[in-house]
PDB file of N, CA and C in Angstrom:
ATOM      1  N   MET A   1      -4.497  10.499 -22.273  1.00  0.00           N
ATOM      2  CA  MET A   1      -5.483  10.749 -22.276  1.00  0.00           C
ATOM      3  C   MET A   1      -6.319  11.248 -21.174  1.00  0.00           C
ATOM      4  N   PRO A   2      -6.545  12.162 -20.340  1.00  0.00           N
ATOM      5  CA  PRO A   2      -7.671  12.151 -19.069  1.00  0.00           C
ATOM      6  C   PRO A   2      -8.800  12.023 -19.593  1.00  0.00           C
ATOM      7  N   VAL A   3      -9.684  10.746 -18.780  1.00  0.00           N
ATOM      8  CA  VAL A   3     -10.955  11.086 -19.063  1.00  0.00           C
ATOM      9  C   VAL A   3     -11.876  11.193 -17.440  1.00  0.00           C
ATOM     10  N   VAL A   4     -12.870  12.120 -17.644  1.00  0.00           N
ATOM     11  CA  VAL A   4     -13.925  12.402 -16.315  1.00  0.00           C
ATOM     12  C   VAL A   4     -14.748  11.291 -16.251  1.00  0.00           C
ATOM     13  N   ILE A   5     -15.603  10.871 -15.583  1.00  0.00           N
ATOM     14  CA  ILE A   5     -16.997  10.065 -15.030  1.00  0.00           C
ATOM     15  C   ILE A   5     -17.385  10.845 -14.242  1.00  0.00           C
ATOM     16  N   PHE A   6     -18.223  11.782 -14.566  1.00  0.00           N
ATOM     17  CA  PHE A   6     -19.162  12.374 -13.655  1.00  0.00           C
ATOM     18  C   PHE A   6     -20.336  11.796 -13.247  1.00  0.00           C
ATOM     19  N   ARG A   7     -20.510  11.103 -11.971  1.00  0.00           N
ATOM     20  CA  ARG A   7     -22.027  10.199 -12.058  1.00  0.00           C
ATOM     21  C   ARG A   7     -23.023  11.237 -10.756  1.00  0.00           C
ATOM     22  N   ASN A   8     -24.330  11.566 -11.161  1.00  0.00           N
ATOM     23  CA  ASN A   8     -25.116  12.226 -10.349  1.00  0.00           C
ATOM     24  C   ASN A   8     -26.624  11.844 -10.497  1.00  0.00           C
ATOM     25  N   ARG A   9     -27.252  12.420  -9.157  1.00  0.00           N
ATOM     26  CA  ARG A   9     -28.541  12.093  -9.314  1.00  0.00           C
ATOM     27  C   ARG A   9     -28.909  13.775  -8.395  1.00  0.00           C
ATOM     28  N   LEU A  10     -30.247  14.125  -9.510  1.00  0.00           N
ATOM     29  CA  LEU A  10     -30.506  15.572  -8.845  1.00  0.00           C
ATOM     30  C   LEU A  10     -31.601  15.912  -8.096  1.00  0.00           C
ATOM     31  N   ARG A  11     -32.067  16.498  -7.693  1.00  0.00           N
ATOM     32  CA  ARG A  11     -32.855  16.548  -6.706  1.00  0.00           C
ATOM     33  C   ARG A  11     -34.043  17.191  -7.523  1.00  0.00           C
ATOM     34  N   PRO A  12     -35.027  16.710  -7.674  1.00  0.00           N
ATOM     35  CA  PRO A  12     -36.469  16.392  -8.355  1.00  0.00           C
ATOM     36  C   PRO A  12     -36.821  18.146  -8.882  1.00  0.00           C
ATOM     37  N   GLU A  13     -36.924  18.872  -7.598  1.00  0.00           N
ATOM     38  CA  GLU A  13     -37.121  20.264  -7.655  1.00  0.00           C
ATOM     39  C   GLU A  13     -36.251  21.326  -8.220  1.00  0.00           C
ATOM     40  N   SER A  14     -35.121  20.594  -8.546  1.00  0.00           N
ATOM     41  CA  SER A  14     -33.674  21.475  -9.197  1.00  0.00           C
ATOM     42  C   SER A  14     -33.407  21.176 -10.567  1.00  0.00           C
ATOM     43  N   VAL A  15     -34.469  20.593 -11.344  1.00  0.00           N
ATOM     44  CA  VAL A  15     -33.922  19.854 -13.055  1.00  0.00           C
ATOM     45  C   VAL A  15     -34.090  21.065 -13.557  1.00  0.00           C
ATOM     46  N   ASP A  16     -34.923  22.019 -13.728  1.00  0.00           N
ATOM     47  CA  ASP A  16     -35.170  23.088 -14.607  1.00  0.00           C
ATOM     48  C   ASP A  16     -33.555  23.844 -14.345  1.00  0.00           C
ATOM     49  N   GLU A  17     -34.128  24.675 -13.152  1.00  0.00           N
ATOM     50  CA  GLU A  17     -32.447  25.622 -12.690  1.00  0.00           C
ATOM     51  C   GLU A  17     -31.239  24.917 -13.106  1.00  0.00           C
ATOM     52  N   TYR A  18     -31.250  23.307 -12.840  1.00  0.00           N
ATOM     53  CA  TYR A  18     -29.806  22.833 -13.191  1.00  0.00           C
ATOM     54  C   TYR A  18     -29.481  22.622 -15.212  1.00  0.00           C
ATOM     55  N   THR A  19     -30.504  22.971 -15.525  1.00  0.00           N
ATOM     56  CA  THR A  19     -30.557  22.399 -17.030  1.00  0.00           C
ATOM     57  C   THR A  19     -29.917  23.754 -17.580  1.00  0.00           C
ATOM     58  N   ALA A  20     -30.232  24.828 -16.919  1.00  0.00           N
ATOM     59  CA  ALA A  20     -29.670  26.410 -17.225  1.00  0.00           C
ATOM     60  C   ALA A  20     -28.256  26.653 -17.320  1.00  0.00           C
ATOM     61  N   TRP A  21     -27.869  25.859 -15.740  1.00  0.00           N
ATOM     62  CA  TRP A  21     -26.534  25.955 -15.703  1.00  0.00           C
ATOM     63  C   TRP A  21     -25.833  24.651 -16.355  1.00  0.00           C
ATOM     64  N   ALA A  22     -26.172  23.514 -16.626  1.00  0.00           N
ATOM     65  CA  ALA A  22     -25.609  22.501 -17.116  1.00  0.00           C
ATOM     66  C   ALA A  22     -25.246  22.771 -18.684  1.00  0.00           C
ATOM     67  N   THR A  23     -26.192  23.544 -19.293  1.00  0.00           N
ATOM     68  CA  THR A  23     -25.903  24.273 -20.727  1.00  0.00           C
ATOM     69  C   THR A  23     -24.832  25.380 -20.634  1.00  0.00           C
ATOM     70  N   ARG A  24     -24.502  26.077 -19.719  1.00  0.00           N
ATOM     71  CA  ARG A  24     -23.723  27.047 -19.745  1.00  0.00           C
ATOM     72  C   ARG A  24     -22.213  26.479 -19.631  1.00  0.00           C
ATOM     73  N   MET A  25     -22.371  25.246 -18.356  1.00  0.00           N
ATOM     74  CA  MET A  25     -21.178  24.604 -18.171  1.00  0.00           C
ATOM     75  C   MET A  25     -20.416  23.856 -19.511  1.00  0.00           C
ATOM     76  N   SER A  26     -21.965  23.253 -20.309  1.00  0.00           N
ATOM     77  CA  SER A  26     -21.199  22.483 -21.488  1.00  0.00           C
ATOM     78  C   SER A  26     -20.525  23.527 -22.637  1.00  0.00           C
ATOM     79  N   ASP A  27     -21.178  24.891 -22.907  1.00  0.00           N
ATOM     80  CA  ASP A  27     -20.994  25.893 -23.696  1.00  0.00           C
ATOM     81  C   ASP A  27     -19.213  26.164 -23.574  1.00  0.00           C
ATOM     82  N   LEU A  28     -19.330  26.232 -21.879  1.00  0.00           N
ATOM     83  CA  LEU A  28     -18.145  27.186 -21.679  1.00  0.00           C
ATOM     84  C   LEU A  28     -16.971  26.220 -21.663  1.00  0.00           C
ATOM     85  N   ALA A  29     -17.075  24.803 -21.662  1.00  0.00           N
ATOM     86  CA  ALA A  29     -16.464  23.367 -21.515  1.00  0.00           C
ATOM     87  C   ALA A  29     -15.709  23.741 -23.045  1.00  0.00           C
ATOM     88  N   ARG A  30     -16.768  23.813 -24.006  1.00  0.00           N
ATOM     89  CA  ARG A  30     -16.212  23.518 -24.765  1.00  0.00           C
ATOM     90  C   ARG A  30     -15.304  24.591 -25.863  1.00  0.00           C
ATOM     91  N   THR A  31     -14.726  25.550 -25.034  1.00  0.00           N
ATOM     92  CA  THR A  31     -14.049  26.535 -25.344  1.00  0.00           C
ATOM     93  C   THR A  31     -12.724  26.561 -24.980  1.00  0.00           C
ATOM     94  N   MET A  32     -12.516  25.509 -23.812  1.00  0.00           N
ATOM     95  CA  MET A  32     -11.428  25.468 -23.116  1.00  0.00           C
ATOM     96  C   MET A  32     -10.253  24.665 -23.730  1.00  0.00           C
ATOM     97  N   PRO A  33      -9.208  25.375 -24.134  1.00  0.00           N
ATOM     98  CA  PRO A  33      -7.716  24.599 -24.583  1.00  0.00           C
ATOM     99  C   PRO A  33      -7.775  23.100 -24.127  1.00  0.00           C
ATOM    100  N   GLY A  34      -7.485  22.376 -24.956  1.00  0.00           N
ATOM    101  CA  GLY A  34      -7.466  20.794 -24.350  1.00  0.00           C
ATOM    102  C   GLY A  34      -8.441  19.631 -24.537  1.00  0.00           C
ATOM    103  N   HIS A  35     -10.133  20.704 -24.128  1.00  0.00           N
ATOM    104  CA  HIS A  35     -11.256  20.128 -24.196  1.00  0.00           C
ATOM    105  C   HIS A  35     -11.491  19.178 -25.145  1.00  0.00           C
ATOM    106  N   VAL A  36     -11.771  17.786 -25.243  1.00  0.00           N
ATOM    107  CA  VAL A  36     -11.537  16.761 -26.689  1.00  0.00           C
ATOM    108  C   VAL A  36     -13.182  16.535 -26.694  1.00  0.00           C
ATOM    109  N   SER A  37     -13.862  16.351 -25.988  1.00  0.00           N
ATOM    110  CA  SER A  37     -15.822  15.882 -25.852  1.00  0.00           C
ATOM    111  C   SER A  37     -15.937  15.991 -24.958  1.00  0.00           C
ATOM    112  N   HIS A  38     -17.265  16.291 -24.825  1.00  0.00           N
ATOM    113  CA  HIS A  38     -18.434  15.583 -23.546  1.00  0.00           C
ATOM    114  C   HIS A  38     -19.103  15.276 -23.807  1.00  0.00           C
ATOM    115  N   LYS A  39     -20.204  14.549 -23.435  1.00  0.00           N
ATOM    116  CA  LYS A  39     -21.304  13.688 -23.631  1.00  0.00           C
ATOM    117  C   LYS A  39     -22.382  13.380 -22.353  1.00  0.00           C
ATOM    118  N   GLY A  40     -23.128  13.782 -22.323  1.00  0.00           N
ATOM    119  CA  GLY A  40     -24.008  13.099 -21.019  1.00  0.00           C
ATOM    120  C   GLY A  40     -24.976  12.579 -21.176  1.00  0.00           C
ATOM    121  N   PHE A  41     -25.850  11.270 -20.072  1.00  0.00           N
ATOM    122  CA  PHE A  41     -26.696  10.599 -20.612  1.00  0.00           C
ATOM    123  C   PHE A  41     -27.396  10.605 -19.451  1.00  0.00           C
ATOM    124  N   THR A  42     -28.843  10.086 -19.631  1.00  0.00           N
ATOM    125  CA  THR A  42     -29.378  10.124 -18.243  1.00  0.00           C
ATOM    126  C   THR A  42     -30.229   8.589 -18.216  1.00  0.00           C
ATOM    127  N   ALA A  43     -30.017   7.924 -17.301  1.00  0.00           N
ATOM    128  CA  ALA A  43     -30.530   5.937 -17.333  1.00  0.00           C
ATOM    129  C   ALA A  43     -32.055   6.437 -16.676  1.00  0.00           C
ATOM    130  N   ALA A  44     -32.698   5.161 -16.935  1.00  0.00           N
ATOM    131  CA  ALA A  44     -34.142   5.244 -16.529  1.00  0.00           C
ATOM    132  C   ALA A  44     -34.346   5.526 -15.433  1.00  0.00           C
ATOM    133  N   ASP A  45     -33.172   5.372 -14.224  1.00  0.00           N
ATOM    134  CA  ASP A  45     -33.865   5.291 -13.072  1.00  0.00           C
ATOM    135  C   ASP A  45     -32.823   6.509 -12.579  1.00  0.00           C
ATOM    136  N   GLY A  46     -32.754   7.482 -13.597  1.00  0.00           N
ATOM    137  CA  GLY A  46     -32.664   8.721 -12.828  1.00  0.00           C
ATOM    138  C   GLY A  46     -31.041   9.034 -12.848  1.00  0.00           C
ATOM    139  N   GLU A  47     -30.486   8.105 -12.718  1.00  0.00           N
ATOM    140  CA  GLU A  47     -28.911   8.936 -12.579  1.00  0.00           C
ATOM    141  C   GLU A  47     -28.281   9.311 -13.985  1.00  0.00           C
ATOM    142  N   ARG A  48     -27.728   9.894 -13.620  1.00  0.00           N
ATOM    143  CA  ARG A  48     -27.194  11.233 -14.984  1.00  0.00           C
ATOM    144  C   ARG A  48     -25.600  10.634 -14.888  1.00  0.00           C
ATOM    145  N   VAL A  49     -24.941  10.451 -16.162  1.00  0.00           N
ATOM    146  CA  VAL A  49     -23.603  10.343 -16.439  1.00  0.00           C
ATOM    147  C   VAL A  49     -22.976  11.241 -17.144  1.00  0.00           C
ATOM    148  N   THR A  50     -21.875  11.436 -17.020  1.00  0.00           N
ATOM    149  CA  THR A  50     -21.465  12.733 -18.011  1.00  0.00           C
ATOM    150  C   THR A  50     -19.664  12.151 -18.377  1.00  0.00           C
ATOM    151  N   ILE A  51     -19.358  12.019 -19.572  1.00  0.00           N
ATOM    152  CA  ILE A  51     -18.060  11.947 -19.838  1.00  0.00           C
ATOM    153  C   ILE A  51     -17.422  13.002 -20.550  1.00  0.00           C
ATOM    154  N   VAL A  52     -15.994  13.052 -20.178  1.00  0.00           N
ATOM    155  CA  VAL A  52     -15.531  14.271 -20.389  1.00  0.00           C
ATOM    156  C   VAL A  52     -14.062  13.817 -20.730  1.00  0.00           C
ATOM    157  N   GLU A  53     -13.710  14.149 -22.040  1.00  0.00           N
ATOM    158  CA  GLU A  53     -12.027  14.120 -22.417  1.00  0.00           C
ATOM    159  C   GLU A  53     -11.371  15.057 -22.406  1.00  0.00           C
ATOM    160  N   PHE A  54      -9.864  15.055 -22.278  1.00  0.00           N
ATOM    161  CA  PHE A  54      -8.866  16.163 -22.493  1.00  0.00           C
ATOM    162  C   PHE A  54      -7.772  15.612 -23.151  1.00  0.00           C
ATOM    163  N   GLU A  55      -7.119  16.664 -23.399  1.00  0.00           N
ATOM    164  CA  GLU A  55      -6.125  15.762 -24.151  1.00  0.00           C
ATOM    165  C   GLU A  55      -4.786  16.014 -22.738  1.00  0.00           C
ATOM    166  N   THR A  56      -4.952  16.686 -21.807  1.00  0.00           N
ATOM    167  CA  THR A  56      -3.803  16.391 -20.880  1.00  0.00           C
ATOM    168  C   THR A  56      -4.221  16.758 -19.448  1.00  0.00           C
ATOM    169  N   ASP A  57      -3.661  16.363 -18.582  1.00  0.00           N
ATOM    170  CA  ASP A  57      -3.560  16.246 -17.224  1.00  0.00           C
ATOM    171  C   ASP A  57      -3.760  18.390 -17.193  1.00  0.00           C
ATOM    172  N   ALA A  58      -3.187  18.959 -17.571  1.00  0.00           N
ATOM    173  CA  ALA A  58      -3.302  20.378 -17.487  1.00  0.00           C
ATOM    174  C   ALA A  58      -4.595  21.174 -18.266  1.00  0.00           C
ATOM    175  N   ALA A  59      -4.426  20.298 -19.445  1.00  0.00           N
ATOM    176  CA  ALA A  59      -6.294  21.084 -19.654  1.00  0.00           C
ATOM    177  C   ALA A  59      -7.685  20.585 -18.612  1.00  0.00           C
ATOM    178  N   MET A  60      -7.120  19.804 -17.986  1.00  0.00           N
ATOM    179  CA  MET A  60      -8.484  19.078 -16.947  1.00  0.00           C
ATOM    180  C   MET A  60      -8.532  19.958 -16.146  1.00  0.00           C
ATOM    181  N   HIS A  61      -7.216  20.450 -15.626  1.00  0.00           N
ATOM    182  CA  HIS A  61      -6.930  20.819 -14.454  1.00  0.00           C
ATOM    183  C   HIS A  61      -7.490  22.250 -14.577  1.00  0.00           C
ATOM    184  N   ALA A  62      -7.158  23.102 -15.903  1.00  0.00           N
ATOM    185  CA  ALA A  62      -7.864  24.347 -16.127  1.00  0.00           C
ATOM    186  C   ALA A  62      -9.148  24.102 -16.330  1.00  0.00           C
ATOM    187  N   TRP A  63      -9.800  23.151 -15.906  1.00  0.00           N
ATOM    188  CA  TRP A  63     -11.106  23.370 -16.403  1.00  0.00           C
ATOM    189  C   TRP A  63     -11.912  23.263 -14.746  1.00  0.00           C
ATOM    190  N   ALA A  64     -11.368  22.339 -14.338  1.00  0.00           N
ATOM    191  CA  ALA A  64     -11.773  21.673 -12.764  1.00  0.00           C
ATOM    192  C   ALA A  64     -11.589  23.610 -12.093  1.00  0.00           C
ATOM    193  N   THR A  65     -10.537  24.086 -12.550  1.00  0.00           N
ATOM    194  CA  THR A  65     -10.596  25.315 -11.309  1.00  0.00           C
ATOM    195  C   THR A  65     -10.912  26.763 -12.248  1.00  0.00           C
ATOM    196  N   HIS A  66     -11.564  26.355 -13.090  1.00  0.00           N
ATOM    197  CA  HIS A  66     -11.965  27.521 -14.402  1.00  0.00           C
ATOM    198  C   HIS A  66     -12.871  28.227 -12.998  1.00  0.00           C
ATOM    199  N   PRO A  67     -12.974  29.598 -12.528  1.00  0.00           N
ATOM    200  CA  PRO A  67     -13.782  30.578 -12.055  1.00  0.00           C
ATOM    201  C   PRO A  67     -15.301  29.967 -12.244  1.00  0.00           C
ATOM    202  N   GLU A  68     -15.528  30.269 -13.358  1.00  0.00           N
ATOM    203  CA  GLU A  68     -17.050  29.991 -13.298  1.00  0.00           C
ATOM    204  C   GLU A  68     -17.853  28.024 -12.792  1.00  0.00           C
ATOM    205  N   HIS A  69     -16.512  27.435 -13.418  1.00  0.00           N
ATOM    206  CA  HIS A  69     -16.964  26.108 -13.434  1.00  0.00           C
ATOM    207  C   HIS A  69     -16.977  26.015 -11.668  1.00  0.00           C
ATOM    208  N   VAL A  70     -15.870  26.244 -10.834  1.00  0.00           N
ATOM    209  CA  VAL A  70     -15.758  26.320  -9.393  1.00  0.00           C
ATOM    210  C   VAL A  70     -17.075  26.537  -8.960  1.00  0.00           C
ATOM    211  N   ALA A  71     -17.985  27.851  -9.413  1.00  0.00           N
ATOM    212  CA  ALA A  71     -19.125  28.725  -8.849  1.00  0.00           C
ATOM    213  C   ALA A  71     -20.249  27.582  -9.708  1.00  0.00           C
ATOM    214  N   ALA A  72     -19.954  26.518 -10.361  1.00  0.00           N
ATOM    215  CA  ALA A  72     -21.074  25.692 -10.556  1.00  0.00           C
ATOM    216  C   ALA A  72     -21.240  24.601  -9.596  1.00  0.00           C
ATOM    217  N   GLN A  73     -19.788  24.220  -9.282  1.00  0.00           N
ATOM    218  CA  GLN A  73     -19.774  22.943  -8.242  1.00  0.00           C
ATOM    219  C   GLN A  73     -20.341  23.175  -7.196  1.00  0.00           C
ATOM    220  N   GLY A  74     -19.798  24.479  -6.218  1.00  0.00           N
ATOM    221  CA  GLY A  74     -20.366  24.577  -5.670  1.00  0.00           C
ATOM    222  C   GLY A  74     -22.460  24.968  -5.406  1.00  0.00           C
ATOM    223  N   LYS A  75     -22.455  25.403  -6.353  1.00  0.00           N
ATOM    224  CA  LYS A  75     -24.089  25.387  -6.612  1.00  0.00           C
ATOM    225  C   LYS A  75     -24.552  24.263  -6.986  1.00  0.00           C
ATOM    226  N   GLY A  76     -23.924  23.353  -7.356  1.00  0.00           N
ATOM    227  CA  GLY A  76     -24.701  22.062  -7.700  1.00  0.00           C
ATOM    228  C   GLY A  76     -24.099  21.082  -6.222  1.00  0.00           C
ATOM    229  N   ARG A  77     -23.094  21.377  -4.902  1.00  0.00           N
ATOM    230  CA  ARG A  77     -23.477  20.875  -4.154  1.00  0.00           C
ATOM    231  C   ARG A  77     -24.962  21.336  -3.272  1.00  0.00           C
ATOM    232  N   ALA A  78     -24.573  22.413  -3.282  1.00  0.00           N
ATOM    233  CA  ALA A  78     -25.385  23.302  -2.233  1.00  0.00           C
ATOM    234  C   ALA A  78     -26.785  23.099  -2.743  1.00  0.00           C
ATOM    235  N   ASP A  79     -27.597  23.014  -4.011  1.00  0.00           N
ATOM    236  CA  ASP A  79     -28.661  23.335  -4.595  1.00  0.00           C
ATOM    237  C   ASP A  79     -29.361  22.357  -5.416  1.00  0.00           C
ATOM    238  N   PHE A  80     -28.227  21.311  -6.264  1.00  0.00           N
ATOM    239  CA  PHE A  80     -28.690  20.500  -7.398  1.00  0.00           C
ATOM    240  C   PHE A  80     -28.633  18.843  -6.775  1.00  0.00           C
ATOM    241  N   TYR A  81     -27.715  18.848  -6.571  1.00  0.00           N
ATOM    242  CA  TYR A  81     -27.171  17.101  -6.308  1.00  0.00           C
ATOM    243  C   TYR A  81     -27.738  16.473  -5.187  1.00  0.00           C
ATOM    244  N   LEU A  82     -28.538  15.458  -5.600  1.00  0.00           N
ATOM    245  CA  LEU A  82     -28.559  14.548  -4.099  1.00  0.00           C
ATOM    246  C   LEU A  82     -27.442  13.773  -3.914  1.00  0.00           C
ATOM    247  N   GLU A  83     -27.021  13.653  -4.736  1.00  0.00           N
ATOM    248  CA  GLU A  83     -25.302  12.452  -5.005  1.00  0.00           C
ATOM    249  C   GLU A  83     -24.870  12.736  -5.851  1.00  0.00           C
ATOM    250  N   TYR A  84     -23.556  12.594  -6.121  1.00  0.00           N
ATOM    251  CA  TYR A  84     -22.772  12.566  -6.932  1.00  0.00           C
ATOM    252  C   TYR A  84     -21.181  11.869  -6.965  1.00  0.00           C
ATOM    253  N   SER A  85     -20.412  10.830  -7.883  1.00  0.00           N
ATOM    254  CA  SER A  85     -19.372  10.633  -7.838  1.00  0.00           C
ATOM    255  C   SER A  85     -18.546  11.507  -9.132  1.00  0.00           C
ATOM    256  N   LEU A  86     -17.128  11.178  -8.845  1.00  0.00           N
ATOM    257  CA  LEU A  86     -16.566  11.804  -9.649  1.00  0.00           C
ATOM    258  C   LEU A  86     -15.089  11.381  -9.877  1.00  0.00           C
ATOM    259  N   GLN A  87     -14.820   9.986 -11.085  1.00  0.00           N
ATOM    260  CA  GLN A  87     -14.049   9.414 -11.490  1.00  0.00           C
ATOM    261  C   GLN A  87     -13.124  10.213 -12.487  1.00  0.00           C
ATOM    262  N   VAL A  88     -11.387  10.245 -12.236  1.00  0.00           N
ATOM    263  CA  VAL A  88     -10.933  11.053 -12.705  1.00  0.00           C
ATOM    264  C   VAL A  88      -9.785   9.625 -13.804  1.00  0.00           C
ATOM    265  N   CYS A  89      -9.668   9.072 -14.916  1.00  0.00           N
ATOM    266  CA  CYS A  89      -9.234   8.202 -15.472  1.00  0.00           C
ATOM    267  C   CYS A  89      -8.047   8.373 -16.768  1.00  0.00           C
ATOM    268  N   ASP A  90      -7.226   7.320 -16.568  1.00  0.00           N
ATOM    269  CA  ASP A  90      -6.372   7.482 -17.796  1.00  0.00           C
ATOM    270  C   ASP A  90      -6.558   6.936 -18.854  1.00  0.00           C
ATOM    271  N   LEU A  91      -6.710   6.900 -20.090  1.00  0.00           N
ATOM    272  CA  LEU A  91      -6.793   6.362 -21.054  1.00  0.00           C
ATOM    273  C   LEU A  91      -6.083   5.612 -21.430  1.00  0.00           C
ATOM    274  N   ARG A  92      -5.819   3.911 -21.714  1.00  0.00           N
ATOM    275  CA  ARG A  92      -4.700   3.312 -21.574  1.00  0.00           C
ATOM    276  C   ARG A  92      -5.036   2.607 -22.945  1.00  0.00           C
ATOM    277  N   ARG A  93      -6.161   2.703 -23.223  1.00  0.00           N
ATOM    278  CA  ARG A  93      -6.559   1.697 -25.092  1.00  0.00           C
ATOM    279  C   ARG A  93      -7.121   2.088 -25.774  1.00  0.00           C
ATOM    280  N   GLU A  94      -7.022   2.226 -26.573  1.00  0.00           N
ATOM    281  CA  GLU A  94      -8.744   3.211 -27.327  1.00  0.00           C
ATOM    282  C   GLU A  94      -8.645   2.237 -28.598  1.00  0.00           C
ATOM    283  N   THR A  95      -9.579   1.645 -29.289  1.00  0.00           N
ATOM    284  CA  THR A  95     -10.051   0.905 -30.413  1.00  0.00           C
ATOM    285  C   THR A  95     -11.002   1.330 -31.304  1.00  0.00           C
ATOM    286  N   ARG A  96     -11.401   2.244 -32.291  1.00  0.00           N
ATOM    287  CA  ARG A  96     -12.639   2.344 -32.889  1.00  0.00           C
ATOM    288  C   ARG A  96     -12.809   1.839 -34.334  1.00  0.00           C
ATOM    289  N   PHE A  97     -13.993   1.758 -34.261  1.00  0.00           N
ATOM    290  CA  PHE A  97     -14.815   1.318 -35.828  1.00  0.00           C
ATOM    291  C   PHE A  97     -15.832   1.972 -36.173  1.00  0.00           C
ATOM    292  N   THR A  98     -15.695   2.684 -37.652  1.00  0.00           N
ATOM    293  CA  THR A  98     -17.098   3.011 -38.410  1.00  0.00           C
ATOM    294  C   THR A  98     -17.229   2.069 -39.621  1.00  0.00           C
ATOM    295  N   ALA A  99     -18.745   1.707 -39.250  1.00  0.00           N
ATOM    296  CA  ALA A  99     -19.123   0.720 -40.879  1.00  0.00           C
ATOM    297  C   ALA A  99     -19.116   1.428 -41.863  1.00  0.00           C
ATOM    298  N   ALA A 100     -18.494   1.193 -43.176  1.00  0.00           N
ATOM    299  CA  ALA A 100     -18.684   1.598 -44.344  1.00  0.00           C
ATOM    300  C   ALA A 100     -19.994   2.001 -44.702  1.00  0.00           C
ATOM    301  N   PRO A 101     -20.529   3.172 -45.190  1.00  0.00           N
ATOM    302  CA  PRO A 101     -21.747   3.341 -45.732  1.00  0.00           C
ATOM    303  C   PRO A 101     -22.331   2.466 -46.643  1.00  0.00           C
ATOM    304  N   PRO A 102     -23.772   1.865 -46.482  1.00  0.00           N
ATOM    305  CA  PRO A 102     -24.227   1.076 -47.360  1.00  0.00           C
ATOM    306  C   PRO A 102     -23.937   1.456 -49.380  1.00  0.00           C
ATOM    307  N   ALA A 103     -23.700   0.632 -50.158  1.00  0.00           N
ATOM    308  CA  ALA A 103     -23.670   0.916 -51.079  1.00  0.00           C
ATOM    309  C   ALA A 103     -24.886   1.707 -52.110  1.00  0.00           C
ATOM    310  N   PRO A 104     -25.030   2.254 -53.052  1.00  0.00           N
ATOM    311  CA  PRO A 104     -26.086   2.785 -53.541  1.00  0.00           C
ATOM    312  C   PRO A 104     -26.879   1.804 -54.436  1.00  0.00           C
ATOM    313  N   ALA A 105     -28.290   1.570 -54.193  1.00  0.00           N
ATOM    314  CA  ALA A 105     -28.837   0.699 -55.161  1.00  0.00           C
ATOM    315  C   ALA A 105     -28.462   0.701 -56.409  1.00  0.00           C
ATOM    316  N   PRO A 106     -28.291  -0.127 -57.443  1.00  0.00           N
ATOM    317  CA  PRO A 106     -28.106   0.085 -58.650  1.00  0.00           C
ATOM    318  C   PRO A 106     -29.473   0.882 -59.416  1.00  0.00           C
ATOM    319  N   GLU A 107     -29.059   1.579 -60.400  1.00  0.00           N
ATOM    320  CA  GLU A 107     -30.153   2.743 -61.086  1.00  0.00           C
ATOM    321  C   GLU A 107     -31.005   1.559 -61.753  1.00  0.00           C
ATOM    322  N   GLY A 108     -32.391   1.858 -61.636  1.00  0.00           N
ATOM    323  CA  GLY A 108     -33.276   1.493 -62.354  1.00  0.00           C
ATOM    324  C   GLY A 108     -34.294   0.239 -60.886  1.00  0.00           C
ATOM    325  N   SER A 109     -33.834   0.191 -59.908  1.00  0.00           N
ATOM    326  CA  SER A 109     -33.687  -0.881 -59.073  1.00  0.00           C
ATOM    327  C   SER A 109     -34.888  -0.121 -57.862  1.00  0.00           C
ATOM    328  N   GLY A 110     -34.383   1.111 -58.074  1.00  0.00           N
ATOM    329  CA  GLY A 110     -36.153   1.667 -56.702  1.00  0.00           C
ATOM    330  C   GLY A 110     -36.984   1.454 -57.050  1.00  0.00           C
ATOM    331  N   PRO A 111     -38.421   2.096 -56.249  1.00  0.00           N
ATOM    332  CA  PRO A 111     -39.415   2.232 -56.784  1.00  0.00           C
ATOM    333  C   PRO A 111     -39.922   2.781 -58.203  1.00  0.00           C
ATOM    334  N   THR A 112     -41.186   2.667 -58.676  1.00  0.00           N
ATOM    335  CA  THR A 112     -41.293   2.977 -59.559  1.00  0.00           C
ATOM    336  C   THR A 112     -42.406   4.394 -59.317  1.00  0.00           C
TER     337      THR A 112
END
């Protein structure tokens, strides 16, 4: 499974317009065949990181070359980003953990 790590810093004057474009791209990405997930984070120092997972290299390539996404990439370079880096990684191993939900309190032990 390919995983894309997109790190960037925005031009301060572009945040509002970027947000509208990013929302559109997120909505579009979710419709792409082979899209697994994506999630974005912003660090305290302003760096933004988006992690995107695809089922296959072909699905990732379809997203990278989608006409609206290509237009957004150009807009980003021209107007939004001070800097960015893009890393494409292959998932080598994955483990998951989910804690069991807490047991319900015995009847009669709650507040009265």
